[in-house]
């Protein structure tokens, strides 16, 4: 596992993926290895591999939840990149149920909601993210502002902006 993480941190995703595959072959119950296998697959552009690795990590993390939210988040991103926004929404909604105090998860959920056309839900999620930060987390506020600018391409979309204030 250590060598896989070292390669991952060093940016060599192909070797990292091979190392993580070796770990899960030897210990198929290692949620952490499955999680990083999915992340490495994502970095290599393999969304099916990402979904597979993170799905196994989610399955294994149901009882020991350390990797549950990160795995759901990564799987949501992979579903979205693979063109399945509906599946991505399900995963991101679950992350905000498990970790309702994480403002960045709400921002990511709002992005998927806006993308799917659920603009009122998008506004609610943006407002929740802003409330959670108390207006003090610059990373979250920047993401909110970027998302608001993106969705305000037409007047209807700007309703989400107003409800986020």
Foldseek 3Di string as FASTA:
>chain_A
DVVLVVCVVVPNLVVSLVVLVVVCVVPVLDLVSLQVNLVSCVVVVNLVRNLVSLVSSCVSCPPPPPCNLVSLQSNLVSCVVVPNLVSSLVSLVVSCVVVVLDLVSLLVNLLSCLVVVVLQSSLVSLLSSCVSCVVPDVVSVVSSVVSLVVQVPDDVNNVSVVSSD
